[in-house]
């Protein structure tokens, strides 16, 4: 993705030069502003004067096609009566936008990073996840997420917030499971996270989504491929969205990559993993086998999954 500066390309909405800065952050910020405007029941023509803009300028801002100015964004947030959490999100997106070319790689460790990652994910039309240690957050059950929060030794209220945001991401997945590919190292199915009943519930949850259209692919543990240790998420946006975004997520932060030089190697890594993974049906059979093994660890035997 290009860095800052102007382009000779023209925006069809107003004929002005199209801005080609760090559009991923600007696009999500614009989507946030559009959602707030629509929530207030305002048209573009009604909202434009609130930031001293023309209708076409506000439209371009909402589509991530114009560099957002801090004062314009602040005025709109005030007019839309945005809450503090939404304002905090907008500040982070503005930080990414104003960083110019440096925004091609942005580390978000600020409070609310999971909420902002949720906004990014919700805006995507397709998502590809790789996980080599634990299940991807959008597929985690509440008890699985709680066990991970306990393992991270997060203090309250961060621990509850961690679980709450993961539940929100899981809710988005439940609404629209199609368009998602999940690549998992086979060890993820067997690595205990919480008690045995937590794992049985979690893998049955994964099985449920596999039946609803999520493409579950398993990379066999006995394979010869050296797998990435970091969880990788590739987000694909439909027109007129930005180029692909790659997110490297840890338990406490998200690292966004948007430049082609950075995203292409990760896309190639995902393709390589897909080539070594078994097909969907074989992957589901591996999930079923892992469920059976975890059921054997239940205190009262296979029938007790609580």
C-alpha atoms as a PDB file:
ATOM      1  CA  UNK A   1       0.000   0.000   0.000  1.00  0.00           C
ATOM      2  CA  UNK A   2       1.376   3.426  -0.843  1.00  0.00           C
ATOM      3  CA  UNK A   3       2.466   5.780   1.879  1.00  0.00           C
ATOM      4  CA  UNK A   4       1.422   9.433   2.313  1.00  0.00           C
ATOM      5  CA  UNK A   5       1.116  12.065  -0.407  1.00  0.00           C
ATOM      6  CA  UNK A   6      -1.273  12.853  -3.215  1.00  0.00           C
ATOM      7  CA  UNK A   7      -2.065  10.818  -6.296  1.00  0.00           C
ATOM      8  CA  UNK A   8      -2.907  11.846  -9.849  1.00  0.00           C
ATOM      9  CA  UNK A   9      -5.857   9.475  -9.644  1.00  0.00           C
ATOM     10  CA  UNK A  10      -9.178  11.319  -9.267  1.00  0.00           C
ATOM     11  CA  UNK A  11     -11.981  10.508  -6.867  1.00  0.00           C
ATOM     12  CA  UNK A  12     -15.177  10.022  -8.947  1.00  0.00           C
ATOM     13  CA  UNK A  13     -17.247  11.520  -6.100  1.00  0.00           C
ATOM     14  CA  UNK A  14     -15.796  15.022  -6.426  1.00  0.00           C
ATOM     15  CA  UNK A  15     -13.100  14.941  -9.115  1.00  0.00           C
ATOM     16  CA  UNK A  16     -10.414  15.790  -6.573  1.00  0.00           C
ATOM     17  CA  UNK A  17      -7.039  14.003  -6.405  1.00  0.00           C
ATOM     18  CA  UNK A  18      -7.502  10.747  -4.535  1.00  0.00           C
ATOM     19  CA  UNK A  19      -5.439  10.513  -1.361  1.00  0.00           C
ATOM     20  CA  UNK A  20      -3.256   7.393  -1.284  1.00  0.00           C
ATOM     21  CA  UNK A  21      -2.040   7.431   2.295  1.00  0.00           C
ATOM     22  CA  UNK A  22      -2.469   4.611   4.844  1.00  0.00           C
ATOM     23  CA  UNK A  23      -5.993   3.877   3.650  1.00  0.00           C
ATOM     24  CA  UNK A  24      -6.677   0.872   5.893  1.00  0.00           C
ATOM     25  CA  UNK A  25      -6.748   2.992   9.063  1.00  0.00           C
ATOM     26  CA  UNK A  26      -8.562   5.849   7.303  1.00  0.00           C
ATOM     27  CA  UNK A  27     -11.102   3.432   5.857  1.00  0.00           C
ATOM     28  CA  UNK A  28     -11.962   1.933   9.250  1.00  0.00           C
ATOM     29  CA  UNK A  29     -12.134   5.430  10.785  1.00  0.00           C
ATOM     30  CA  UNK A  30     -14.482   6.466   7.966  1.00  0.00           C
ATOM     31  CA  UNK A  31     -16.645   3.390   8.522  1.00  0.00           C
ATOM     32  CA  UNK A  32     -16.848   4.284  12.207  1.00  0.00           C
ATOM     33  CA  UNK A  33     -17.921   7.848  11.395  1.00  0.00           C
ATOM     34  CA  UNK A  34     -20.504   6.593   8.911  1.00  0.00           C
ATOM     35  CA  UNK A  35     -21.962   4.207  11.505  1.00  0.00           C
ATOM     36  CA  UNK A  36     -22.216   7.028  14.060  1.00  0.00           C
ATOM     37  CA  UNK A  37     -23.898   9.340  11.536  1.00  0.00           C
ATOM     38  CA  UNK A  38     -26.441   6.733  10.521  1.00  0.00           C
ATOM     39  CA  UNK A  39     -27.115   5.926  14.167  1.00  0.00           C
ATOM     40  CA  UNK A  40     -28.073   9.587  14.670  1.00  0.00           C
ATOM     41  CA  UNK A  41     -30.389   9.402  11.650  1.00  0.00           C
ATOM     42  CA  UNK A  42     -28.468  12.052   9.669  1.00  0.00           C
ATOM     43  CA  UNK A  43     -27.939  12.174   5.930  1.00  0.00           C
ATOM     44  CA  UNK A  44     -24.610  13.219   4.414  1.00  0.00           C
ATOM     45  CA  UNK A  45     -26.138  16.589   3.506  1.00  0.00           C
ATOM     46  CA  UNK A  46     -27.280  17.130   7.093  1.00  0.00           C
ATOM     47  CA  UNK A  47     -23.971  16.057   8.659  1.00  0.00           C
ATOM     48  CA  UNK A  48     -21.538  17.843   6.313  1.00  0.00           C
ATOM     49  CA  UNK A  49     -22.050  21.345   7.835  1.00  0.00           C
ATOM     50  CA  UNK A  50     -21.167  19.919  11.253  1.00  0.00           C
ATOM     51  CA  UNK A  51     -17.505  19.814  10.161  1.00  0.00           C
ATOM     52  CA  UNK A  52     -17.679  22.684   7.644  1.00  0.00           C
ATOM     53  CA  UNK A  53     -17.477  20.245   4.727  1.00  0.00           C
ATOM     54  CA  UNK A  54     -19.269  19.626   1.480  1.00  0.00           C
ATOM     55  CA  UNK A  55     -21.353  16.498   1.059  1.00  0.00           C
ATOM     56  CA  UNK A  56     -18.775  15.036  -1.350  1.00  0.00           C
ATOM     57  CA  UNK A  57     -15.925  15.725   1.080  1.00  0.00           C
ATOM     58  CA  UNK A  58     -17.721  13.969   3.941  1.00  0.00           C
ATOM     59  CA  UNK A  59     -18.580  11.085   1.636  1.00  0.00           C
ATOM     60  CA  UNK A  60     -14.900  10.737   0.677  1.00  0.00           C
ATOM     61  CA  UNK A  61     -13.909  10.904   4.346  1.00  0.00           C
ATOM     62  CA  UNK A  62     -16.330   8.109   5.242  1.00  0.00           C
ATOM     63  CA  UNK A  63     -14.954   5.949   2.421  1.00  0.00           C
ATOM     64  CA  UNK A  64     -11.323   6.414   3.492  1.00  0.00           C
ATOM     65  CA  UNK A  65     -10.576   8.332   0.280  1.00  0.00           C
ATOM     66  CA  UNK A  66      -9.568  11.621   1.911  1.00  0.00           C
ATOM     67  CA  UNK A  67      -7.005  12.350   4.616  1.00  0.00           C
ATOM     68  CA  UNK A  68      -9.029  12.979   7.797  1.00  0.00           C
ATOM     69  CA  UNK A  69      -8.201  16.160   9.705  1.00  0.00           C
ATOM     70  CA  UNK A  70      -8.205  15.941  13.528  1.00  0.00           C
ATOM     71  CA  UNK A  71     -10.531  18.941  13.925  1.00  0.00           C
ATOM     72  CA  UNK A  72     -13.065  17.546  11.448  1.00  0.00           C
ATOM     73  CA  UNK A  73     -13.093  14.181  13.202  1.00  0.00           C
ATOM     74  CA  UNK A  74     -13.380  15.825  16.623  1.00  0.00           C
ATOM     75  CA  UNK A  75     -16.302  17.993  15.480  1.00  0.00           C
ATOM     76  CA  UNK A  76     -18.136  15.009  14.054  1.00  0.00           C
ATOM     77  CA  UNK A  77     -17.597  12.907  17.178  1.00  0.00           C
ATOM     78  CA  UNK A  78     -19.021  15.727  19.295  1.00  0.00           C
ATOM     79  CA  UNK A  79     -21.998  16.240  16.988  1.00  0.00           C
ATOM     80  CA  UNK A  80     -22.703  12.495  16.949  1.00  0.00           C
ATOM     81  CA  UNK A  81     -22.399  12.362  20.777  1.00  0.00           C
ATOM     82  CA  UNK A  82     -19.815   9.571  20.635  1.00  0.00           C
ATOM     83  CA  UNK A  83     -18.979   7.882  23.931  1.00  0.00           C
ATOM     84  CA  UNK A  84     -15.496   7.837  25.456  1.00  0.00           C
ATOM     85  CA  UNK A  85     -14.607   4.378  24.128  1.00  0.00           C
ATOM     86  CA  UNK A  86     -15.513   5.409  20.575  1.00  0.00           C
ATOM     87  CA  UNK A  87     -13.503   8.612  20.924  1.00  0.00           C
ATOM     88  CA  UNK A  88     -10.521   6.567  22.124  1.00  0.00           C
ATOM     89  CA  UNK A  89     -10.824   4.314  19.067  1.00  0.00           C
ATOM     90  CA  UNK A  90     -10.947   7.347  16.764  1.00  0.00           C
ATOM     91  CA  UNK A  91      -7.787   8.755  18.360  1.00  0.00           C
ATOM     92  CA  UNK A  92      -5.935   5.483  17.695  1.00  0.00           C
ATOM     93  CA  UNK A  93      -7.070   5.399  14.055  1.00  0.00           C
ATOM     94  CA  UNK A  94      -6.017   9.037  13.637  1.00  0.00           C
ATOM     95  CA  UNK A  95      -2.612   8.167  15.090  1.00  0.00           C
ATOM     96  CA  UNK A  96      -2.236   5.453  12.467  1.00  0.00           C
ATOM     97  CA  UNK A  97      -3.357   7.772   9.674  1.00  0.00           C
ATOM     98  CA  UNK A  98      -1.113  10.673  10.670  1.00  0.00           C
ATOM     99  CA  UNK A  99       1.915   8.380  10.917  1.00  0.00           C
ATOM    100  CA  UNK A 100       2.051   8.416   7.114  1.00  0.00           C
ATOM    101  CA  UNK A 101       4.280   5.718   5.633  1.00  0.00           C
ATOM    102  CA  UNK A 102       5.102   4.471   9.145  1.00  0.00           C
ATOM    103  CA  UNK A 103       1.466   3.349   9.444  1.00  0.00           C
ATOM    104  CA  UNK A 104       2.328   0.488   7.091  1.00  0.00           C
ATOM    105  CA  UNK A 105       3.165  -1.313  10.352  1.00  0.00           C
ATOM    106  CA  UNK A 106       1.327  -0.252  13.477  1.00  0.00           C
ATOM    107  CA  UNK A 107       1.457  -1.813  16.937  1.00  0.00           C
ATOM    108  CA  UNK A 108      -1.725  -1.302  18.955  1.00  0.00           C
ATOM    109  CA  UNK A 109      -1.156  -1.969  22.656  1.00  0.00           C
ATOM    110  CA  UNK A 110      -3.471   0.750  23.934  1.00  0.00           C
ATOM    111  CA  UNK A 111      -6.548  -0.129  26.043  1.00  0.00           C
ATOM    112  CA  UNK A 112      -9.338  -1.238  23.733  1.00  0.00           C
ATOM    113  CA  UNK A 113      -7.041  -2.851  21.147  1.00  0.00           C
ATOM    114  CA  UNK A 114      -9.369  -5.866  20.868  1.00  0.00           C
ATOM    115  CA  UNK A 115     -12.349  -3.570  20.250  1.00  0.00           C
ATOM    116  CA  UNK A 116     -10.489  -1.884  17.392  1.00  0.00           C
ATOM    117  CA  UNK A 117      -9.452  -5.234  15.946  1.00  0.00           C
ATOM    118  CA  UNK A 118     -13.127  -6.221  16.060  1.00  0.00           C
ATOM    119  CA  UNK A 119     -13.996  -3.138  13.983  1.00  0.00           C
ATOM    120  CA  UNK A 120     -11.370  -4.111  11.435  1.00  0.00           C
ATOM    121  CA  UNK A 121     -12.632  -7.700  11.292  1.00  0.00           C
ATOM    122  CA  UNK A 122     -16.274  -6.673  10.995  1.00  0.00           C
ATOM    123  CA  UNK A 123     -15.455  -4.496   7.980  1.00  0.00           C
ATOM    124  CA  UNK A 124     -13.738  -7.336   6.090  1.00  0.00           C
ATOM    125  CA  UNK A 125     -15.528  -9.480   3.513  1.00  0.00           C
ATOM    126  CA  UNK A 126     -13.228 -12.466   3.988  1.00  0.00           C
ATOM    127  CA  UNK A 127     -10.826 -13.617   6.690  1.00  0.00           C
ATOM    128  CA  UNK A 128      -8.068 -16.236   6.817  1.00  0.00           C
ATOM    129  CA  UNK A 129      -6.714 -17.283  10.208  1.00  0.00           C
ATOM    130  CA  UNK A 130      -3.637 -19.296  11.104  1.00  0.00           C
ATOM    131  CA  UNK A 131      -3.189 -20.490  14.684  1.00  0.00           C
ATOM    132  CA  UNK A 132      -0.382 -22.707  15.896  1.00  0.00           C
ATOM    133  CA  UNK A 133      -0.888 -22.454  19.669  1.00  0.00           C
ATOM    134  CA  UNK A 134      -4.545 -21.743  20.560  1.00  0.00           C
ATOM    135  CA  UNK A 135      -7.834 -21.342  18.663  1.00  0.00           C
ATOM    136  CA  UNK A 136      -8.342 -17.977  16.886  1.00  0.00           C
ATOM    137  CA  UNK A 137     -10.345 -15.506  19.035  1.00  0.00           C
ATOM    138  CA  UNK A 138     -13.440 -15.381  16.773  1.00  0.00           C
ATOM    139  CA  UNK A 139     -13.909 -19.121  17.355  1.00  0.00           C
ATOM    140  CA  UNK A 140     -13.292 -19.184  21.097  1.00  0.00           C
ATOM    141  CA  UNK A 141     -15.987 -20.051  23.604  1.00  0.00           C
ATOM    142  CA  UNK A 142     -16.373 -17.953  26.744  1.00  0.00           C
ATOM    143  CA  UNK A 143     -14.817 -20.573  29.021  1.00  0.00           C
ATOM    144  CA  UNK A 144     -11.896 -21.131  26.652  1.00  0.00           C
ATOM    145  CA  UNK A 145     -11.247 -17.363  26.518  1.00  0.00           C
ATOM    146  CA  UNK A 146     -11.495 -17.145  30.319  1.00  0.00           C
ATOM    147  CA  UNK A 147      -8.929 -19.940  30.694  1.00  0.00           C
ATOM    148  CA  UNK A 148      -6.566 -18.062  28.363  1.00  0.00           C
ATOM    149  CA  UNK A 149      -7.069 -14.824  30.321  1.00  0.00           C
ATOM    150  CA  UNK A 150      -6.203 -16.737  33.495  1.00  0.00           C
ATOM    151  CA  UNK A 151      -3.069 -18.128  31.829  1.00  0.00           C
ATOM    152  CA  UNK A 152      -2.024 -14.597  30.816  1.00  0.00           C
ATOM    153  CA  UNK A 153      -2.295 -13.575  34.493  1.00  0.00           C
ATOM    154  CA  UNK A 154      -4.332 -10.520  33.533  1.00  0.00           C
ATOM    155  CA  UNK A 155      -5.589  -8.500  36.507  1.00  0.00           C
ATOM    156  CA  UNK A 156      -9.183  -7.377  36.819  1.00  0.00           C
ATOM    157  CA  UNK A 157     -10.854  -5.527  35.150  1.00  0.00           C
ATOM    158  CA  UNK A 158      -8.583  -6.284  32.159  1.00  0.00           C
ATOM    159  CA  UNK A 159      -9.389  -9.981  32.506  1.00  0.00           C
ATOM    160  CA  UNK A 160     -13.143  -9.468  32.210  1.00  0.00           C
ATOM    161  CA  UNK A 161     -12.644  -6.977  29.377  1.00  0.00           C
ATOM    162  CA  UNK A 162     -10.464  -9.504  27.544  1.00  0.00           C
ATOM    163  CA  UNK A 163     -13.177 -12.157  27.758  1.00  0.00           C
ATOM    164  CA  UNK A 164     -15.952  -9.685  26.881  1.00  0.00           C
ATOM    165  CA  UNK A 165     -14.210  -8.489  23.712  1.00  0.00           C
ATOM    166  CA  UNK A 166     -13.480 -12.040  22.613  1.00  0.00           C
ATOM    167  CA  UNK A 167     -17.159 -12.835  23.108  1.00  0.00           C
ATOM    168  CA  UNK A 168     -18.023  -9.885  20.872  1.00  0.00           C
ATOM    169  CA  UNK A 169     -15.716 -11.164  18.136  1.00  0.00           C
ATOM    170  CA  UNK A 170     -17.253 -14.626  18.493  1.00  0.00           C
ATOM    171  CA  UNK A 171     -20.688 -13.054  18.141  1.00  0.00           C
ATOM    172  CA  UNK A 172     -19.709 -11.464  14.839  1.00  0.00           C
ATOM    173  CA  UNK A 173     -18.499 -14.839  13.612  1.00  0.00           C
ATOM    174  CA  UNK A 174     -21.811 -16.421  14.627  1.00  0.00           C
ATOM    175  CA  UNK A 175     -23.713 -13.860  12.542  1.00  0.00           C
ATOM    176  CA  UNK A 176     -21.677 -14.349   9.354  1.00  0.00           C
ATOM    177  CA  UNK A 177     -19.505 -17.486   9.471  1.00  0.00           C
ATOM    178  CA  UNK A 178     -19.140 -17.720   5.685  1.00  0.00           C
ATOM    179  CA  UNK A 179     -16.014 -16.379   4.014  1.00  0.00           C
ATOM    180  CA  UNK A 180     -13.748 -17.590   6.810  1.00  0.00           C
ATOM    181  CA  UNK A 181     -10.881 -20.048   6.515  1.00  0.00           C
ATOM    182  CA  UNK A 182      -9.219 -21.394   9.644  1.00  0.00           C
ATOM    183  CA  UNK A 183      -5.840 -23.098   9.390  1.00  0.00           C
ATOM    184  CA  UNK A 184      -4.818 -24.876  12.588  1.00  0.00           C
ATOM    185  CA  UNK A 185      -1.788 -26.812  13.677  1.00  0.00           C
ATOM    186  CA  UNK A 186      -3.047 -30.200  14.838  1.00  0.00           C
ATOM    187  CA  UNK A 187      -1.489 -29.608  18.268  1.00  0.00           C
ATOM    188  CA  UNK A 188      -4.060 -26.837  18.908  1.00  0.00           C
ATOM    189  CA  UNK A 189      -6.761 -29.513  19.048  1.00  0.00           C
ATOM    190  CA  UNK A 190      -4.950 -31.434  21.778  1.00  0.00           C
ATOM    191  CA  UNK A 191      -3.288 -28.711  23.858  1.00  0.00           C
ATOM    192  CA  UNK A 192      -5.349 -28.372  27.076  1.00  0.00           C
ATOM    193  CA  UNK A 193      -6.728 -24.884  27.708  1.00  0.00           C
ATOM    194  CA  UNK A 194      -8.658 -25.164  30.941  1.00  0.00           C
ATOM    195  CA  UNK A 195     -10.249 -28.405  32.093  1.00  0.00           C
ATOM    196  CA  UNK A 196     -11.265 -31.274  29.823  1.00  0.00           C
ATOM    197  CA  UNK A 197     -14.891 -30.107  29.664  1.00  0.00           C
ATOM    198  CA  UNK A 198     -13.684 -26.708  28.403  1.00  0.00           C
ATOM    199  CA  UNK A 199     -11.827 -28.387  25.553  1.00  0.00           C
ATOM    200  CA  UNK A 200     -14.762 -30.643  24.664  1.00  0.00           C
ATOM    201  CA  UNK A 201     -17.099 -27.646  24.568  1.00  0.00           C
ATOM    202  CA  UNK A 202     -14.584 -25.632  22.528  1.00  0.00           C
ATOM    203  CA  UNK A 203     -13.981 -28.319  19.917  1.00  0.00           C
ATOM    204  CA  UNK A 204     -17.697 -29.011  19.573  1.00  0.00           C
ATOM    205  CA  UNK A 205     -18.089 -25.274  19.011  1.00  0.00           C
ATOM    206  CA  UNK A 206     -15.445 -25.470  16.267  1.00  0.00           C
ATOM    207  CA  UNK A 207     -17.252 -28.479  14.802  1.00  0.00           C
ATOM    208  CA  UNK A 208     -20.492 -26.479  14.752  1.00  0.00           C
ATOM    209  CA  UNK A 209     -18.905 -23.662  12.737  1.00  0.00           C
ATOM    210  CA  UNK A 210     -17.318 -26.156  10.349  1.00  0.00           C
ATOM    211  CA  UNK A 211     -20.863 -27.356   9.585  1.00  0.00           C
ATOM    212  CA  UNK A 212     -21.997 -23.744   9.025  1.00  0.00           C
ATOM    213  CA  UNK A 213     -19.513 -22.912   6.301  1.00  0.00           C
ATOM    214  CA  UNK A 214     -16.229 -22.103   8.069  1.00  0.00           C
ATOM    215  CA  UNK A 215     -13.465 -23.871   6.136  1.00  0.00           C
ATOM    216  CA  UNK A 216     -11.498 -25.700   8.847  1.00  0.00           C
ATOM    217  CA  UNK A 217      -8.138 -26.996   7.639  1.00  0.00           C
ATOM    218  CA  UNK A 218      -5.684 -28.865   9.868  1.00  0.00           C
ATOM    219  CA  UNK A 219      -1.909 -28.994   9.361  1.00  0.00           C
ATOM    220  CA  UNK A 220      -0.843 -32.462  10.620  1.00  0.00           C
ATOM    221  CA  UNK A 221       1.592 -32.432  13.516  1.00  0.00           C
ATOM    222  CA  UNK A 222       3.586 -35.211  11.831  1.00  0.00           C
ATOM    223  CA  UNK A 223       4.204 -33.102   8.726  1.00  0.00           C
ATOM    224  CA  UNK A 224       7.598 -31.804   7.606  1.00  0.00           C
ATOM    225  CA  UNK A 225       6.568 -28.137   7.516  1.00  0.00           C
ATOM    226  CA  UNK A 226       8.005 -25.677  10.037  1.00  0.00           C
ATOM    227  CA  UNK A 227       4.937 -23.652  11.030  1.00  0.00           C
ATOM    228  CA  UNK A 228       4.863 -19.972  12.063  1.00  0.00           C
ATOM    229  CA  UNK A 229       4.742 -19.545  15.856  1.00  0.00           C
ATOM    230  CA  UNK A 230       2.713 -16.328  15.558  1.00  0.00           C
ATOM    231  CA  UNK A 231      -1.022 -16.225  14.895  1.00  0.00           C
ATOM    232  CA  UNK A 232      -1.734 -14.648  11.498  1.00  0.00           C
ATOM    233  CA  UNK A 233      -4.983 -13.105  10.292  1.00  0.00           C
ATOM    234  CA  UNK A 234      -5.426 -11.865   6.731  1.00  0.00           C
ATOM    235  CA  UNK A 235      -8.396  -9.546   6.220  1.00  0.00           C
ATOM    236  CA  UNK A 236      -9.714  -9.042   2.688  1.00  0.00           C
ATOM    237  CA  UNK A 237     -11.929  -6.015   1.967  1.00  0.00           C
ATOM    238  CA  UNK A 238     -14.367  -5.692  -0.884  1.00  0.00           C
ATOM    239  CA  UNK A 239     -14.531  -2.572  -3.069  1.00  0.00           C
ATOM    240  CA  UNK A 240     -14.161   0.264  -2.323  1.00  0.00           C
ATOM    241  CA  UNK A 241     -12.160  -0.910   0.668  1.00  0.00           C
ATOM    242  CA  UNK A 242      -8.400  -0.858   1.235  1.00  0.00           C
ATOM    243  CA  UNK A 243      -5.845  -3.433   0.220  1.00  0.00           C
ATOM    244  CA  UNK A 244      -5.479  -6.555   2.337  1.00  0.00           C
ATOM    245  CA  UNK A 245      -4.486  -6.112   5.961  1.00  0.00           C
ATOM    246  CA  UNK A 246      -2.449  -8.676   7.890  1.00  0.00           C
ATOM    247  CA  UNK A 247      -2.775  -8.701  11.652  1.00  0.00           C
ATOM    248  CA  UNK A 248      -0.312 -10.465  13.940  1.00  0.00           C
ATOM    249  CA  UNK A 249      -2.128 -10.870  17.233  1.00  0.00           C
ATOM    250  CA  UNK A 250      -0.705 -11.793  20.629  1.00  0.00           C
ATOM    251  CA  UNK A 251      -2.587 -12.129  23.876  1.00  0.00           C
ATOM    252  CA  UNK A 252      -2.230  -8.430  24.655  1.00  0.00           C
ATOM    253  CA  UNK A 253      -1.707  -6.554  21.370  1.00  0.00           C
ATOM    254  CA  UNK A 254      -2.312  -6.406  17.628  1.00  0.00           C
ATOM    255  CA  UNK A 255       0.327  -5.572  15.005  1.00  0.00           C
ATOM    256  CA  UNK A 256      -1.144  -4.379  11.693  1.00  0.00           C
ATOM    257  CA  UNK A 257       0.691  -4.720   8.386  1.00  0.00           C
ATOM    258  CA  UNK A 258      -0.670  -2.916   5.325  1.00  0.00           C
ATOM    259  CA  UNK A 259       2.190  -2.392   2.878  1.00  0.00           C
ATOM    260  CA  UNK A 260       2.461  -4.894   0.032  1.00  0.00           C
ATOM    261  CA  UNK A 261       6.069  -5.605   0.989  1.00  0.00           C
ATOM    262  CA  UNK A 262       4.873  -6.731   4.429  1.00  0.00           C
ATOM    263  CA  UNK A 263       1.590  -8.461   3.582  1.00  0.00           C
ATOM    264  CA  UNK A 264       2.718 -10.559   0.604  1.00  0.00           C
ATOM    265  CA  UNK A 265       5.146 -12.786   2.608  1.00  0.00           C
ATOM    266  CA  UNK A 266       2.372 -13.539   5.103  1.00  0.00           C
ATOM    267  CA  UNK A 267      -0.080 -14.301   2.296  1.00  0.00           C
ATOM    268  CA  UNK A 268       2.482 -16.715   0.865  1.00  0.00           C
ATOM    269  CA  UNK A 269       2.897 -18.300   4.304  1.00  0.00           C
ATOM    270  CA  UNK A 270      -0.870 -18.861   4.510  1.00  0.00           C
ATOM    271  CA  UNK A 271      -0.897 -20.426   1.040  1.00  0.00           C
ATOM    272  CA  UNK A 272       1.995 -22.698   2.009  1.00  0.00           C
ATOM    273  CA  UNK A 273       0.159 -23.799   5.161  1.00  0.00           C
ATOM    274  CA  UNK A 274      -2.996 -24.460   3.119  1.00  0.00           C
ATOM    275  CA  UNK A 275      -1.035 -26.698   0.734  1.00  0.00           C
ATOM    276  CA  UNK A 276       0.199 -28.815   3.669  1.00  0.00           C
ATOM    277  CA  UNK A 277      -3.174 -28.934   5.427  1.00  0.00           C
ATOM    278  CA  UNK A 278      -5.614 -31.801   5.022  1.00  0.00           C
ATOM    279  CA  UNK A 279      -8.937 -31.027   3.359  1.00  0.00           C
ATOM    280  CA  UNK A 280     -12.048 -29.791   5.164  1.00  0.00           C
ATOM    281  CA  UNK A 281     -13.661 -33.212   5.671  1.00  0.00           C
ATOM    282  CA  UNK A 282     -10.419 -34.796   6.885  1.00  0.00           C
ATOM    283  CA  UNK A 283      -9.915 -31.817   9.185  1.00  0.00           C
ATOM    284  CA  UNK A 284     -13.351 -32.302  10.721  1.00  0.00           C
ATOM    285  CA  UNK A 285     -12.487 -35.960  11.354  1.00  0.00           C
ATOM    286  CA  UNK A 286      -9.350 -34.841  13.227  1.00  0.00           C
ATOM    287  CA  UNK A 287     -11.506 -32.492  15.307  1.00  0.00           C
ATOM    288  CA  UNK A 288     -13.876 -35.379  16.100  1.00  0.00           C
ATOM    289  CA  UNK A 289     -10.940 -37.557  17.169  1.00  0.00           C
ATOM    290  CA  UNK A 290      -9.637 -34.794  19.444  1.00  0.00           C
ATOM    291  CA  UNK A 291     -13.099 -34.430  20.996  1.00  0.00           C
ATOM    292  CA  UNK A 292     -13.137 -38.162  21.744  1.00  0.00           C
ATOM    293  CA  UNK A 293      -9.712 -37.999  23.421  1.00  0.00           C
ATOM    294  CA  UNK A 294     -10.688 -35.014  25.584  1.00  0.00           C
ATOM    295  CA  UNK A 295     -13.949 -36.756  26.526  1.00  0.00           C
ATOM    296  CA  UNK A 296     -11.875 -39.630  27.900  1.00  0.00           C
ATOM    297  CA  UNK A 297     -10.300 -37.110  30.310  1.00  0.00           C
ATOM    298  CA  UNK A 298     -13.675 -36.020  31.723  1.00  0.00           C
ATOM    299  CA  UNK A 299     -14.127 -36.828  35.424  1.00  0.00           C
ATOM    300  CA  UNK A 300     -17.229 -38.968  34.766  1.00  0.00           C
ATOM    301  CA  UNK A 301     -16.261 -40.334  31.396  1.00  0.00           C
ATOM    302  CA  UNK A 302     -17.208 -39.436  27.805  1.00  0.00           C
ATOM    303  CA  UNK A 303     -20.841 -38.601  28.604  1.00  0.00           C
ATOM    304  CA  UNK A 304     -19.948 -35.684  30.912  1.00  0.00           C
ATOM    305  CA  UNK A 305     -19.262 -32.563  28.818  1.00  0.00           C
ATOM    306  CA  UNK A 306     -21.220 -30.133  31.026  1.00  0.00           C
END
